[in-house]
């Protein structure tokens, strides 16, 4: 499966590079203006601006995804810890003898309904 993934990635990269090379000669030039004209770039090919914007978007997505993965791993760790404590409590209740839990008041309550039937 990983071979198909790498082959698909290589095909996409070759397509993007081919597109960029073919449009390099006829590309329109654009200038980017930031902060209301306080900073302006020299004229750049439009394909370069598009690819740079895409790369910045991918990096932003990567950073957000990393934080989400850490958050989800933290939640998984917390849920596993709670699950472990609940399993220990359940195992303790399963191993508890019925006779150990009865007290004098409980035996009186159990005996009283039987006496009424007699």
Protein backbone atom coordinates (compact mmCIF):
# COMPACT_ATOMS: atom_id res chain seq x y z
CA UNK A 1 0.00 0.00 0.00
CA UNK A 2 2.83 2.39 0.81
CA UNK A 3 4.23 1.89 -2.71
CA UNK A 4 0.99 3.15 -4.24
CA UNK A 5 1.01 6.13 -1.88
CA UNK A 6 4.57 7.10 -2.87
CA UNK A 7 3.84 6.63 -6.57
CA UNK A 8 0.76 8.85 -6.32
CA UNK A 9 2.76 11.50 -4.44
CA UNK A 10 5.51 11.44 -7.06
CA UNK A 11 2.95 11.78 -9.88
CA UNK A 12 1.35 14.79 -8.20
CA UNK A 13 4.72 16.45 -7.65
CA UNK A 14 5.71 15.87 -11.29
CA UNK A 15 2.39 17.31 -12.45
CA UNK A 16 2.83 20.43 -10.31
CA UNK A 17 6.41 20.95 -11.47
CA UNK A 18 5.41 20.46 -15.10
CA UNK A 19 2.62 22.99 -14.72
CA UNK A 20 4.97 25.51 -13.14
CA UNK A 21 7.64 25.10 -15.83
CA UNK A 22 5.15 25.40 -18.69
CA UNK A 23 3.63 28.57 -17.26
CA UNK A 24 6.94 30.17 -16.33
CA UNK A 25 7.46 31.91 -19.69
CA UNK A 26 3.96 33.33 -20.04
CA UNK A 27 3.32 34.00 -16.38
CA UNK A 28 1.89 37.31 -15.37
CA UNK A 29 3.83 39.32 -12.85
CA UNK A 30 2.11 40.43 -9.64
CA UNK A 31 3.20 42.49 -6.66
CA UNK A 32 1.99 41.65 -3.19
CA UNK A 33 1.06 44.54 -0.94
CA UNK A 34 1.02 44.06 2.82
CA UNK A 35 -0.14 46.33 5.64
CA UNK A 36 -1.98 48.84 3.47
CA UNK A 37 0.94 49.64 1.21
CA UNK A 38 3.66 49.83 3.87
CA UNK A 39 5.39 46.78 2.42
CA UNK A 40 5.35 45.72 -1.21
CA UNK A 41 7.19 42.90 -2.97
CA UNK A 42 8.92 43.17 -6.31
CA UNK A 43 6.94 41.68 -9.21
CA UNK A 44 6.73 37.89 -8.93
CA UNK A 45 5.29 35.25 -11.26
CA UNK A 46 1.72 34.44 -10.27
CA UNK A 47 2.41 30.70 -10.10
CA UNK A 48 5.06 31.36 -7.45
CA UNK A 49 2.55 33.32 -5.35
CA UNK A 50 -0.03 30.52 -5.69
CA UNK A 51 2.44 27.81 -4.67
CA UNK A 52 3.79 29.87 -1.78
CA UNK A 53 0.24 30.43 -0.54
CA UNK A 54 -0.44 26.70 -0.80
CA UNK A 55 2.76 25.88 1.11
CA UNK A 56 1.89 28.34 3.88
CA UNK A 57 -1.59 26.80 4.11
CA UNK A 58 -0.13 23.29 4.39
CA UNK A 59 2.26 24.40 7.14
CA UNK A 60 -0.58 26.09 9.03
CA UNK A 61 -2.66 22.91 8.72
CA UNK A 62 0.29 20.85 9.97
CA UNK A 63 0.75 23.01 13.06
CA UNK A 64 -2.97 22.91 13.92
CA UNK A 65 -3.04 19.14 13.37
CA UNK A 66 -0.06 18.60 15.69
CA UNK A 67 -1.83 20.46 18.50
CA UNK A 68 -5.02 18.47 17.91
CA UNK A 69 -3.10 15.18 18.00
CA UNK A 70 -1.49 16.13 21.31
CA UNK A 71 -4.88 17.11 22.73
CA UNK A 72 -6.47 13.84 21.61
CA UNK A 73 -3.58 11.78 22.98
CA UNK A 74 -3.98 13.55 26.32
CA UNK A 75 -7.69 12.69 26.36
CA UNK A 76 -6.92 9.06 25.47
CA UNK A 77 -4.38 8.87 28.31
CA UNK A 78 -6.93 10.30 30.76
CA UNK A 79 -9.66 7.90 29.61
CA UNK A 80 -7.30 4.91 29.86
CA UNK A 81 -6.36 5.92 33.40
CA UNK A 82 -10.04 6.17 34.35
CA UNK A 83 -10.75 2.85 32.64
CA UNK A 84 -7.94 1.17 34.57
CA UNK A 85 -9.25 2.46 37.90
CA UNK A 86 -12.80 1.34 37.05
CA UNK A 87 -11.53 -2.11 36.06
CA UNK A 88 -9.65 -2.40 39.36
CA UNK A 89 -12.79 -1.38 41.25
CA UNK A 90 -14.87 -3.90 39.30
CA UNK A 91 -12.33 -6.68 39.91
CA UNK A 92 -12.36 -5.82 43.61
CA UNK A 93 -16.15 -6.05 43.68
CA UNK A 94 -16.11 -9.36 41.81
CA UNK A 95 -13.66 -10.85 44.32
CA UNK A 96 -15.63 -9.59 47.32
CA UNK A 97 -17.31 -12.39 49.23
CA UNK A 98 -21.05 -12.01 49.81
CA UNK A 99 -20.71 -12.91 53.51
CA UNK A 100 -18.12 -10.19 54.14
CA UNK A 101 -20.50 -7.43 53.11
CA UNK A 102 -23.40 -8.42 55.37
CA UNK A 103 -23.76 -6.57 58.67
CA UNK A 104 -26.06 -7.13 61.61
CA UNK A 105 -28.70 -4.72 60.28
CA UNK A 106 -28.61 -6.42 56.90
CA UNK A 107 -29.15 -9.86 58.45
CA UNK A 108 -32.09 -8.49 60.44
CA UNK A 109 -33.66 -7.12 57.27
CA UNK A 110 -33.13 -10.44 55.51
CA UNK A 111 -34.61 -12.40 58.42
CA UNK A 112 -37.74 -10.24 58.89
CA UNK A 113 -39.45 -11.06 55.56
CA UNK A 114 -38.94 -14.78 56.20
CA UNK A 115 -40.56 -14.52 59.63
CA UNK A 116 -43.65 -12.84 58.20
CA UNK A 117 -44.24 -15.79 55.84
CA UNK A 118 -44.15 -18.31 58.67
